[in-house]
């Protein structure tokens, strides 16, 4: 049985605009195109830990956002999954 997992992804305004433009050009919904692009990227991703670390290190502000998330969780500033 094939199962799926739902993810919510937030794009910055530049990437959101690009996704919107590509979806319009290809006459598909943005979500459909985003799923396809993400699936392709995951299929091509190298599972080597050093490659993944380099990829994550290349995301601007990723470490800071992760630290903020940890701080917010420790302070109880979270939202229950049932509330989403």
Protein backbone atom coordinates (compact mmCIF):
# COMPACT_ATOMS: atom_id res chain seq x y z
CA UNK A 1 0.00 0.00 0.00
CA UNK A 2 1.38 3.41 -1.01
CA UNK A 3 1.16 6.04 1.71
CA UNK A 4 1.69 9.76 1.41
CA UNK A 5 2.89 12.38 3.83
CA UNK A 6 1.66 15.95 3.74
CA UNK A 7 4.23 18.72 4.15
CA UNK A 8 3.71 22.45 4.37
CA UNK A 9 6.49 24.45 2.75
CA UNK A 10 6.95 28.19 3.06
CA UNK A 11 8.67 29.96 0.17
CA UNK A 12 10.19 33.42 0.21
CA UNK A 13 8.50 35.92 -2.09
CA UNK A 14 11.05 35.46 -4.88
CA UNK A 15 10.64 31.67 -5.03
CA UNK A 16 6.86 31.90 -4.61
CA UNK A 17 6.68 34.27 -7.58
CA UNK A 18 8.86 31.96 -9.67
CA UNK A 19 6.70 28.95 -8.78
CA UNK A 20 3.57 30.90 -9.66
CA UNK A 21 5.04 31.95 -13.02
CA UNK A 22 6.13 28.39 -13.84
CA UNK A 23 2.73 26.99 -12.87
CA UNK A 24 0.98 29.54 -15.07
CA UNK A 25 3.24 28.73 -18.02
CA UNK A 26 2.68 25.00 -17.67
CA UNK A 27 -1.06 25.31 -16.93
CA UNK A 28 -0.89 23.34 -13.68
CA UNK A 29 -1.70 24.20 -10.07
CA UNK A 30 1.19 25.56 -8.02
CA UNK A 31 0.88 22.71 -5.51
CA UNK A 32 1.06 20.10 -8.26
CA UNK A 33 4.16 21.70 -9.74
CA UNK A 34 5.77 22.11 -6.31
CA UNK A 35 5.19 18.41 -5.53
CA UNK A 36 6.73 17.41 -8.84
CA UNK A 37 9.76 19.66 -8.40
CA UNK A 38 10.33 18.50 -4.84
CA UNK A 39 9.98 14.84 -5.83
CA UNK A 40 12.52 15.31 -8.63
CA UNK A 41 14.95 17.07 -6.30
CA UNK A 42 14.61 14.30 -3.71
CA UNK A 43 15.12 11.60 -6.34
CA UNK A 44 18.37 13.28 -7.41
CA UNK A 45 19.62 14.11 -3.90
CA UNK A 46 22.77 12.37 -2.72
CA UNK A 47 21.99 10.61 0.59
CA UNK A 48 25.60 11.02 1.77
CA UNK A 49 25.54 12.82 5.13
CA UNK A 50 28.33 15.24 4.19
CA UNK A 51 26.41 16.30 1.08
CA UNK A 52 23.23 16.84 3.09
CA UNK A 53 25.15 18.85 5.69
CA UNK A 54 26.64 21.08 2.98
CA UNK A 55 23.19 21.56 1.48
CA UNK A 56 21.70 22.54 4.84
CA UNK A 57 24.64 24.85 5.61
CA UNK A 58 23.88 26.66 2.35
CA UNK A 59 20.38 27.70 3.45
CA UNK A 60 20.59 31.32 4.63
CA UNK A 61 19.47 31.68 8.24
CA UNK A 62 18.65 27.97 8.65
CA UNK A 63 20.71 27.52 11.82
CA UNK A 64 19.27 30.64 13.40
CA UNK A 65 15.69 29.57 12.56
CA UNK A 66 16.34 26.11 14.01
CA UNK A 67 17.69 27.67 17.21
CA UNK A 68 14.66 29.97 17.41
CA UNK A 69 12.36 26.95 16.99
CA UNK A 70 14.13 25.13 19.81
CA UNK A 71 13.82 28.21 22.06
CA UNK A 72 10.13 28.61 21.24
CA UNK A 73 9.47 24.93 21.93
CA UNK A 74 11.28 25.14 25.27
CA UNK A 75 9.13 28.16 26.16
CA UNK A 76 5.95 26.29 25.23
CA UNK A 77 5.26 28.58 22.27
CA UNK A 78 4.01 25.79 20.05
CA UNK A 79 0.82 24.85 18.26
CA UNK A 80 -0.72 21.43 18.72
CA UNK A 81 -1.05 19.41 15.53
CA UNK A 82 -4.77 19.14 16.29
CA UNK A 83 -4.97 22.94 16.01
CA UNK A 84 -3.48 23.09 12.52
